[in-house]
Amino acid sequence: MAEWLSQQDLTLIGMISSIVAGLGTGIGAIPVFFTRRISDKTINAMLGFAAGVMLAATSFSLVIPAIEKSGGGIKGAVTVSVGIILGGLFLDYIDKALPHFHTVAGMEGKKKDLSRIWLFIIAITIHNFPEGLAVGAGFGDFDYANGLALTIGIGIQNIPEGLAVAMALATQENSSLGKAFLISLLTGLVEPVGALIGLGLTQLARPILPITLAFAAGAMLFVISDEMIPETHRRGQHRIATYGVLIGFAVMTILDTLI
């Protein structure tokens, strides 16, 4: 598969891959047409699984390649550490600057007169942008196998996220099932924007590829720690969520090794 991809246009493959990964939210939202209620235990286990997949994808497809491409040793370690911190600081700034609503943390960012649904959409958009950036950066330096691993991993973890978003929206007042599904689908499709930026940075300035990979890793780690894991620990469901993280990490480890 990676060999066939290497014969195609890099930008086109990167964009298509980010769209495919983003469609995972739409796939996950499909059950909303059959039920408006899924147990918290199930949701948290699935979100824990998604967090585990993201952790593994960040480690194997972003951090390790970034260290290798920066020359390894102390130079590689410092370069990647700086990139990770910058990525986290960037997400922290965006998180504080844009008004949005989390199901656990509640209202965050600068206050604006927006509906709760729009605040929720902004929150998911902030969440998904780093994933698109990661896919785009993953294909940098024509590393198709790495980009493909990230695409699969992010696509998988988008499925439970899409389900959680659709269920949350379906319970909102005056929110139809079709609207809940459509919004869940569209929130995943912000990822191509991030992918385009990641691809552009790595192609315009190859020497900054390691820092770009590390930056994407830091942004994803911020999302995992600031939003995903706290979400899975609500209402006393932390143990099943923890096992979800372990299983997700293990599954992504197998997939990354096979690819």
C-alpha atoms as a PDB file:
ATOM      1  CA  MET A   1       0.000   0.000   0.000  1.00  0.00           C
ATOM      2  CA  ALA A   2       2.721   2.453   0.992  1.00  0.00           C
ATOM      3  CA  GLU A   3       4.611   1.605  -2.206  1.00  0.00           C
ATOM      4  CA  TRP A   4       1.575   2.434  -4.354  1.00  0.00           C
ATOM      5  CA  LEU A   5       1.050   5.686  -2.433  1.00  0.00           C
ATOM      6  CA  SER A   6       4.659   6.697  -3.097  1.00  0.00           C
ATOM      7  CA  GLN A   7       3.849   6.862  -6.811  1.00  0.00           C
ATOM      8  CA  GLN A   8       1.047   9.381  -6.297  1.00  0.00           C
ATOM      9  CA  ASP A   9       1.024  13.151  -5.784  1.00  0.00           C
ATOM     10  CA  LEU A  10       1.979  13.891  -2.167  1.00  0.00           C
ATOM     11  CA  THR A  11      -0.414  16.799  -1.633  1.00  0.00           C
ATOM     12  CA  LEU A  12      -3.356  14.937  -3.149  1.00  0.00           C
ATOM     13  CA  ILE A  13      -2.705  11.832  -1.061  1.00  0.00           C
ATOM     14  CA  GLY A  14      -2.277  13.904   2.093  1.00  0.00           C
ATOM     15  CA  MET A  15      -5.562  15.738   1.539  1.00  0.00           C
ATOM     16  CA  ILE A  16      -7.504  12.589   0.662  1.00  0.00           C
ATOM     17  CA  SER A  17      -6.075  10.826   3.703  1.00  0.00           C
ATOM     18  CA  SER A  18      -7.111  13.643   6.033  1.00  0.00           C
ATOM     19  CA  ILE A  19     -10.629  13.595   4.559  1.00  0.00           C
ATOM     20  CA  VAL A  20     -10.858   9.818   5.047  1.00  0.00           C
ATOM     21  CA  ALA A  21      -9.675  10.175   8.647  1.00  0.00           C
ATOM     22  CA  GLY A  22     -12.148  12.997   9.238  1.00  0.00           C
ATOM     23  CA  LEU A  23     -15.040  10.902   7.913  1.00  0.00           C
ATOM     24  CA  GLY A  24     -14.591   8.693  10.964  1.00  0.00           C
ATOM     25  CA  THR A  25     -16.725  11.152  12.945  1.00  0.00           C
ATOM     26  CA  GLY A  26     -19.568  10.634  10.481  1.00  0.00           C
ATOM     27  CA  ILE A  27     -19.281   6.854  10.760  1.00  0.00           C
ATOM     28  CA  GLY A  28     -19.359   7.094  14.534  1.00  0.00           C
ATOM     29  CA  ALA A  29     -22.454   9.307  14.418  1.00  0.00           C
ATOM     30  CA  ILE A  30     -24.592   6.774  12.506  1.00  0.00           C
ATOM     31  CA  PRO A  31     -26.032   5.094  15.668  1.00  0.00           C
ATOM     32  CA  VAL A  32     -27.762   8.374  16.534  1.00  0.00           C
ATOM     33  CA  PHE A  33     -30.463   7.405  14.000  1.00  0.00           C
ATOM     34  CA  PHE A  34     -31.284   4.290  16.021  1.00  0.00           C
ATOM     35  CA  THR A  35     -30.993   5.481  19.606  1.00  0.00           C
ATOM     36  CA  ARG A  36     -30.638   8.717  21.520  1.00  0.00           C
ATOM     37  CA  ARG A  37     -29.107   7.025  24.522  1.00  0.00           C
ATOM     38  CA  ILE A  38     -25.897   5.036  24.972  1.00  0.00           C
ATOM     39  CA  SER A  39     -24.634   4.313  28.472  1.00  0.00           C
ATOM     40  CA  ASP A  40     -21.938   6.527  29.962  1.00  0.00           C
ATOM     41  CA  LYS A  41     -19.889   3.389  30.583  1.00  0.00           C
ATOM     42  CA  THR A  42     -19.866   2.549  26.871  1.00  0.00           C
ATOM     43  CA  ILE A  43     -19.139   6.106  25.772  1.00  0.00           C
ATOM     44  CA  ASN A  44     -16.277   6.517  28.232  1.00  0.00           C
ATOM     45  CA  ALA A  45     -14.761   3.145  27.310  1.00  0.00           C
ATOM     46  CA  MET A  46     -14.827   4.147  23.637  1.00  0.00           C
ATOM     47  CA  LEU A  47     -13.370   7.585  24.314  1.00  0.00           C
ATOM     48  CA  GLY A  48     -10.661   5.953  26.421  1.00  0.00           C
ATOM     49  CA  PHE A  49      -9.905   3.685  23.470  1.00  0.00           C
ATOM     50  CA  ALA A  50      -9.675   6.758  21.225  1.00  0.00           C
ATOM     51  CA  ALA A  51      -7.273   8.427  23.670  1.00  0.00           C
ATOM     52  CA  GLY A  52      -5.089   5.311  23.681  1.00  0.00           C
ATOM     53  CA  VAL A  53      -4.973   5.246  19.886  1.00  0.00           C
ATOM     54  CA  MET A  54      -4.009   8.922  19.815  1.00  0.00           C
ATOM     55  CA  LEU A  55      -1.268   8.391  22.395  1.00  0.00           C
ATOM     56  CA  ALA A  56       0.244   5.542  20.386  1.00  0.00           C
ATOM     57  CA  ALA A  57      -0.053   7.427  17.099  1.00  0.00           C
ATOM     58  CA  THR A  58       1.600  10.456  18.683  1.00  0.00           C
ATOM     59  CA  SER A  59       4.442   8.360  20.072  1.00  0.00           C
ATOM     60  CA  PHE A  60       5.200   6.100  17.095  1.00  0.00           C
ATOM     61  CA  SER A  61       4.231   8.270  14.130  1.00  0.00           C
ATOM     62  CA  LEU A  62       5.177  11.748  15.341  1.00  0.00           C
ATOM     63  CA  VAL A  63       7.652  11.770  18.236  1.00  0.00           C
ATOM     64  CA  ILE A  64       9.928   8.899  17.149  1.00  0.00           C
ATOM     65  CA  PRO A  65      10.126  10.026  13.466  1.00  0.00           C
ATOM     66  CA  ALA A  66      10.791  13.599  14.638  1.00  0.00           C
ATOM     67  CA  ILE A  67      13.741  12.424  16.748  1.00  0.00           C
ATOM     68  CA  GLU A  68      15.114  10.332  13.878  1.00  0.00           C
ATOM     69  CA  LYS A  69      14.741  13.086  11.279  1.00  0.00           C
ATOM     70  CA  SER A  70      16.457  15.633  13.541  1.00  0.00           C
ATOM     71  CA  GLY A  71      19.570  13.456  13.846  1.00  0.00           C
ATOM     72  CA  GLY A  72      18.851  11.697  17.149  1.00  0.00           C
ATOM     73  CA  GLY A  73      20.926  12.103  20.290  1.00  0.00           C
ATOM     74  CA  ILE A  74      20.688  15.166  22.484  1.00  0.00           C
ATOM     75  CA  LYS A  75      19.990  17.383  19.459  1.00  0.00           C
ATOM     76  CA  GLY A  76      16.998  15.288  18.480  1.00  0.00           C
ATOM     77  CA  ALA A  77      15.712  15.143  22.032  1.00  0.00           C
ATOM     78  CA  VAL A  78      15.950  18.909  22.528  1.00  0.00           C
ATOM     79  CA  THR A  79      14.435  19.692  19.112  1.00  0.00           C
ATOM     80  CA  VAL A  80      11.466  17.428  19.715  1.00  0.00           C
ATOM     81  CA  SER A  81      10.976  18.656  23.287  1.00  0.00           C
ATOM     82  CA  VAL A  82      10.851  22.264  22.094  1.00  0.00           C
ATOM     83  CA  GLY A  83       8.379  21.340  19.344  1.00  0.00           C
ATOM     84  CA  ILE A  84       6.115  19.472  21.765  1.00  0.00           C
ATOM     85  CA  ILE A  85       6.027  22.392  24.186  1.00  0.00           C
ATOM     86  CA  LEU A  86       5.324  24.873  21.376  1.00  0.00           C
ATOM     87  CA  GLY A  87       2.473  22.687  20.103  1.00  0.00           C
ATOM     88  CA  GLY A  88       0.970  22.536  23.577  1.00  0.00           C
ATOM     89  CA  LEU A  89       1.302  26.288  24.081  1.00  0.00           C
ATOM     90  CA  PHE A  90      -0.355  26.930  20.714  1.00  0.00           C
ATOM     91  CA  LEU A  91      -3.369  24.759  21.604  1.00  0.00           C
ATOM     92  CA  ASP A  92      -3.517  26.368  25.036  1.00  0.00           C
ATOM     93  CA  TYR A  93      -3.699  29.819  23.435  1.00  0.00           C
ATOM     94  CA  ILE A  94      -6.391  28.763  20.963  1.00  0.00           C
ATOM     95  CA  ASP A  95      -8.320  27.054  23.761  1.00  0.00           C
ATOM     96  CA  LYS A  96      -8.322  30.270  25.800  1.00  0.00           C
ATOM     97  CA  ALA A  97      -8.969  32.642  22.891  1.00  0.00           C
ATOM     98  CA  LEU A  98     -11.920  30.947  21.178  1.00  0.00           C
ATOM     99  CA  PRO A  99     -15.270  30.595  22.954  1.00  0.00           C
ATOM    100  CA  HIS A 100     -16.307  26.943  23.216  1.00  0.00           C
ATOM    101  CA  PHE A 101     -18.124  24.473  25.416  1.00  0.00           C
ATOM    102  CA  HIS A 102     -16.892  21.156  26.847  1.00  0.00           C
ATOM    103  CA  THR A 103     -19.243  18.613  28.367  1.00  0.00           C
ATOM    104  CA  VAL A 104     -16.965  18.323  31.425  1.00  0.00           C
ATOM    105  CA  ALA A 105     -15.162  21.669  31.785  1.00  0.00           C
ATOM    106  CA  GLY A 106     -18.155  23.691  30.617  1.00  0.00           C
ATOM    107  CA  MET A 107     -17.677  27.125  29.033  1.00  0.00           C
ATOM    108  CA  GLU A 108     -14.114  28.104  28.121  1.00  0.00           C
ATOM    109  CA  GLY A 109     -12.442  30.887  26.143  1.00  0.00           C
ATOM    110  CA  LYS A 110     -13.587  34.472  25.678  1.00  0.00           C
ATOM    111  CA  LYS A 111     -17.303  34.899  26.194  1.00  0.00           C
ATOM    112  CA  LYS A 112     -19.372  35.417  23.051  1.00  0.00           C
ATOM    113  CA  ASP A 113     -23.103  35.479  22.418  1.00  0.00           C
ATOM    114  CA  LEU A 114     -23.302  32.147  20.603  1.00  0.00           C
ATOM    115  CA  SER A 115     -25.681  29.230  20.896  1.00  0.00           C
ATOM    116  CA  ARG A 116     -24.570  26.185  22.869  1.00  0.00           C
ATOM    117  CA  ILE A 117     -24.410  24.085  19.702  1.00  0.00           C
ATOM    118  CA  TRP A 118     -22.018  26.546  18.037  1.00  0.00           C
ATOM    119  CA  LEU A 119     -19.866  26.608  21.161  1.00  0.00           C
ATOM    120  CA  PHE A 120     -19.788  22.816  21.067  1.00  0.00           C
ATOM    121  CA  ILE A 121     -18.844  22.815  17.367  1.00  0.00           C
ATOM    122  CA  ILE A 122     -15.959  25.212  18.029  1.00  0.00           C
ATOM    123  CA  ALA A 123     -14.701  22.918  20.795  1.00  0.00           C
ATOM    124  CA  ILE A 124     -14.637  19.908  18.460  1.00  0.00           C
ATOM    125  CA  THR A 125     -12.984  21.977  15.728  1.00  0.00           C
ATOM    126  CA  ILE A 126     -10.190  22.965  18.126  1.00  0.00           C
ATOM    127  CA  HIS A 127      -9.847  19.281  18.942  1.00  0.00           C
ATOM    128  CA  ASN A 128      -9.711  18.046  15.332  1.00  0.00           C
ATOM    129  CA  PHE A 129      -7.352  20.625  13.829  1.00  0.00           C
ATOM    130  CA  PRO A 130      -4.198  19.100  15.408  1.00  0.00           C
ATOM    131  CA  GLU A 131      -5.187  15.706  14.005  1.00  0.00           C
ATOM    132  CA  GLY A 132      -5.247  17.073  10.463  1.00  0.00           C
ATOM    133  CA  LEU A 133      -1.942  18.830  11.097  1.00  0.00           C
ATOM    134  CA  ALA A 134      -0.494  15.509  12.257  1.00  0.00           C
ATOM    135  CA  VAL A 135      -1.620  13.686   9.102  1.00  0.00           C
ATOM    136  CA  GLY A 136      -0.171  16.385   6.858  1.00  0.00           C
ATOM    137  CA  ALA A 137       3.130  16.457   8.731  1.00  0.00           C
ATOM    138  CA  GLY A 138       3.185  12.659   8.812  1.00  0.00           C
ATOM    139  CA  PHE A 139       3.363  12.545   5.029  1.00  0.00           C
ATOM    140  CA  GLY A 140       6.244  15.047   5.071  1.00  0.00           C
ATOM    141  CA  ASP A 141       9.520  13.991   3.501  1.00  0.00           C
ATOM    142  CA  PHE A 142       7.411  11.580   1.403  1.00  0.00           C
ATOM    143  CA  ASP A 143       7.050   9.201   4.358  1.00  0.00           C
ATOM    144  CA  TYR A 144       3.924   7.490   3.036  1.00  0.00           C
ATOM    145  CA  ALA A 145       3.985   4.588   5.495  1.00  0.00           C
ATOM    146  CA  ASN A 146       4.057   6.988   8.436  1.00  0.00           C
ATOM    147  CA  GLY A 147       1.283   9.128   6.980  1.00  0.00           C
ATOM    148  CA  LEU A 148      -0.834   6.054   6.310  1.00  0.00           C
ATOM    149  CA  ALA A 149      -0.387   4.842   9.912  1.00  0.00           C
ATOM    150  CA  LEU A 150      -1.513   8.238  11.227  1.00  0.00           C
ATOM    151  CA  THR A 151      -4.489   8.283   8.865  1.00  0.00           C
ATOM    152  CA  ILE A 152      -5.691   4.882  10.061  1.00  0.00           C
ATOM    153  CA  GLY A 153      -5.104   5.686  13.720  1.00  0.00           C
ATOM    154  CA  ILE A 154      -6.854   9.062  13.631  1.00  0.00           C
ATOM    155  CA  GLY A 155      -9.697   7.630  11.537  1.00  0.00           C
ATOM    156  CA  ILE A 156     -10.258   4.890  14.140  1.00  0.00           C
ATOM    157  CA  GLN A 157     -10.220   7.260  17.077  1.00  0.00           C
ATOM    158  CA  ASN A 158     -12.587   9.660  15.299  1.00  0.00           C
ATOM    159  CA  ILE A 159     -15.352   7.029  15.355  1.00  0.00           C
ATOM    160  CA  PRO A 160     -16.060   7.094  19.107  1.00  0.00           C
ATOM    161  CA  GLU A 161     -15.601  10.866  19.080  1.00  0.00           C
ATOM    162  CA  GLY A 162     -18.251  11.189  16.391  1.00  0.00           C
ATOM    163  CA  LEU A 163     -20.604   9.020  18.444  1.00  0.00           C
ATOM    164  CA  ALA A 164     -20.061  11.133  21.564  1.00  0.00           C
ATOM    165  CA  VAL A 165     -20.639  14.373  19.651  1.00  0.00           C
ATOM    166  CA  ALA A 166     -23.807  13.093  17.951  1.00  0.00           C
ATOM    167  CA  MET A 167     -25.276  11.817  21.215  1.00  0.00           C
ATOM    168  CA  ALA A 168     -24.535  15.090  22.991  1.00  0.00           C
ATOM    169  CA  LEU A 169     -26.139  17.111  20.189  1.00  0.00           C
ATOM    170  CA  ALA A 170     -29.154  14.796  19.919  1.00  0.00           C
ATOM    171  CA  THR A 171     -30.079  15.578  23.515  1.00  0.00           C
ATOM    172  CA  GLN A 172     -29.975  19.328  22.904  1.00  0.00           C
ATOM    173  CA  GLU A 173     -33.298  21.107  22.675  1.00  0.00           C
ATOM    174  CA  ASN A 174     -34.595  21.583  19.096  1.00  0.00           C
ATOM    175  CA  SER A 175     -31.794  19.436  17.657  1.00  0.00           C
ATOM    176  CA  SER A 176     -32.922  16.878  15.065  1.00  0.00           C
ATOM    177  CA  LEU A 177     -31.173  13.554  14.493  1.00  0.00           C
ATOM    178  CA  GLY A 178     -30.160  14.611  10.994  1.00  0.00           C
ATOM    179  CA  LYS A 179     -28.665  17.823  12.328  1.00  0.00           C
ATOM    180  CA  ALA A 180     -26.739  15.946  15.016  1.00  0.00           C
ATOM    181  CA  PHE A 181     -25.323  13.574  12.394  1.00  0.00           C
ATOM    182  CA  LEU A 182     -24.436  16.347   9.938  1.00  0.00           C
ATOM    183  CA  ILE A 183     -22.645  18.444  12.554  1.00  0.00           C
ATOM    184  CA  SER A 184     -20.679  15.413  13.754  1.00  0.00           C
ATOM    185  CA  LEU A 185     -19.655  14.688  10.171  1.00  0.00           C
ATOM    186  CA  LEU A 186     -18.631  18.275   9.445  1.00  0.00           C
ATOM    187  CA  THR A 187     -16.536  18.617  12.607  1.00  0.00           C
ATOM    188  CA  GLY A 188     -14.268  15.853  11.303  1.00  0.00           C
ATOM    189  CA  LEU A 189     -13.882  17.557   7.947  1.00  0.00           C
ATOM    190  CA  VAL A 190     -11.912  20.433   9.497  1.00  0.00           C
ATOM    191  CA  GLU A 191      -8.961  18.042   9.484  1.00  0.00           C
ATOM    192  CA  PRO A 192      -8.049  18.679   5.798  1.00  0.00           C
ATOM    193  CA  VAL A 193      -7.384  22.314   6.751  1.00  0.00           C
ATOM    194  CA  GLY A 194      -4.821  21.217   9.298  1.00  0.00           C
ATOM    195  CA  ALA A 195      -3.403  18.670   6.844  1.00  0.00           C
ATOM    196  CA  LEU A 196      -2.882  21.335   4.193  1.00  0.00           C
ATOM    197  CA  ILE A 197      -0.939  23.461   6.667  1.00  0.00           C
ATOM    198  CA  GLY A 198       1.156  20.488   7.762  1.00  0.00           C
ATOM    199  CA  LEU A 199       1.912  19.507   4.174  1.00  0.00           C
ATOM    200  CA  GLY A 200       2.733  23.093   3.223  1.00  0.00           C
ATOM    201  CA  LEU A 201       5.158  23.588   6.091  1.00  0.00           C
ATOM    202  CA  THR A 202       7.020  20.346   5.452  1.00  0.00           C
ATOM    203  CA  GLN A 203       7.275  20.921   1.695  1.00  0.00           C
ATOM    204  CA  LEU A 204       8.234  24.589   1.781  1.00  0.00           C
ATOM    205  CA  ALA A 205      10.894  24.131   4.438  1.00  0.00           C
ATOM    206  CA  ARG A 206      12.102  20.532   4.755  1.00  0.00           C
ATOM    207  CA  PRO A 207      14.584  21.331   7.552  1.00  0.00           C
ATOM    208  CA  ILE A 208      11.692  22.195   9.877  1.00  0.00           C
ATOM    209  CA  LEU A 209      10.028  18.790   9.385  1.00  0.00           C
ATOM    210  CA  PRO A 210      11.168  17.456  12.792  1.00  0.00           C
ATOM    211  CA  ILE A 211       9.856  20.516  14.621  1.00  0.00           C
ATOM    212  CA  THR A 212       6.580  20.317  12.664  1.00  0.00           C
ATOM    213  CA  LEU A 213       6.105  16.673  13.636  1.00  0.00           C
ATOM    214  CA  ALA A 214       6.899  17.494  17.276  1.00  0.00           C
ATOM    215  CA  PHE A 215       4.583  20.530  17.183  1.00  0.00           C
ATOM    216  CA  ALA A 216       1.725  18.317  15.996  1.00  0.00           C
ATOM    217  CA  ALA A 217       2.588  15.808  18.722  1.00  0.00           C
ATOM    218  CA  GLY A 218       2.446  18.511  21.394  1.00  0.00           C
ATOM    219  CA  ALA A 219      -0.905  19.759  20.129  1.00  0.00           C
ATOM    220  CA  MET A 220      -2.343  16.242  20.188  1.00  0.00           C
ATOM    221  CA  LEU A 221      -0.951  15.531  23.660  1.00  0.00           C
ATOM    222  CA  PHE A 222      -2.581  18.732  24.902  1.00  0.00           C
ATOM    223  CA  VAL A 223      -5.954  17.604  23.563  1.00  0.00           C
ATOM    224  CA  ILE A 224      -5.585  14.136  25.099  1.00  0.00           C
ATOM    225  CA  SER A 225      -4.683  15.470  28.554  1.00  0.00           C
ATOM    226  CA  ASP A 226      -6.863  18.580  28.627  1.00  0.00           C
ATOM    227  CA  GLU A 227     -10.040  17.148  27.134  1.00  0.00           C
ATOM    228  CA  MET A 228     -10.185  13.455  26.276  1.00  0.00           C
ATOM    229  CA  ILE A 229      -8.964  11.833  29.499  1.00  0.00           C
ATOM    230  CA  PRO A 230     -10.924  14.197  31.815  1.00  0.00           C
ATOM    231  CA  GLU A 231     -14.016  13.429  29.710  1.00  0.00           C
ATOM    232  CA  THR A 232     -13.582   9.682  30.241  1.00  0.00           C
ATOM    233  CA  HIS A 233     -13.227  10.068  34.016  1.00  0.00           C
ATOM    234  CA  ARG A 234     -16.563  11.719  34.602  1.00  0.00           C
ATOM    235  CA  ARG A 235     -19.316  10.066  36.647  1.00  0.00           C
ATOM    236  CA  GLY A 236     -17.022   7.472  38.176  1.00  0.00           C
ATOM    237  CA  GLN A 237     -16.262   5.598  34.961  1.00  0.00           C
ATOM    238  CA  HIS A 238     -12.486   6.037  35.117  1.00  0.00           C
ATOM    239  CA  ARG A 239     -11.545   2.344  35.458  1.00  0.00           C
ATOM    240  CA  ILE A 240     -13.279   1.165  32.266  1.00  0.00           C
ATOM    241  CA  ALA A 241     -11.888   4.239  30.493  1.00  0.00           C
ATOM    242  CA  THR A 242      -8.370   3.363  31.652  1.00  0.00           C
ATOM    243  CA  TYR A 243      -8.681  -0.111  30.177  1.00  0.00           C
ATOM    244  CA  GLY A 244      -9.965   1.531  27.014  1.00  0.00           C
ATOM    245  CA  VAL A 245      -6.761   3.596  26.853  1.00  0.00           C
ATOM    246  CA  LEU A 246      -4.620   0.472  27.282  1.00  0.00           C
ATOM    247  CA  ILE A 247      -6.498  -1.451  24.585  1.00  0.00           C
ATOM    248  CA  GLY A 248      -6.434   1.518  22.194  1.00  0.00           C
ATOM    249  CA  PHE A 249      -2.690   1.946  22.685  1.00  0.00           C
ATOM    250  CA  ALA A 250      -2.125  -1.786  22.103  1.00  0.00           C
ATOM    251  CA  VAL A 251      -4.266  -1.853  18.947  1.00  0.00           C
ATOM    252  CA  MET A 252      -2.485   1.158  17.463  1.00  0.00           C
ATOM    253  CA  THR A 253       0.891  -0.374  18.357  1.00  0.00           C
ATOM    254  CA  ILE A 254      -0.022  -3.488  16.341  1.00  0.00           C
ATOM    255  CA  LEU A 255      -1.337  -1.451  13.397  1.00  0.00           C
ATOM    256  CA  ASP A 256       1.705   0.811  13.325  1.00  0.00           C
ATOM    257  CA  THR A 257       4.046  -2.200  13.425  1.00  0.00           C
ATOM    258  CA  LEU A 258       2.197  -3.974  10.615  1.00  0.00           C
ATOM    259  CA  ILE A 259       2.148  -0.861   8.422  1.00  0.00           C
END
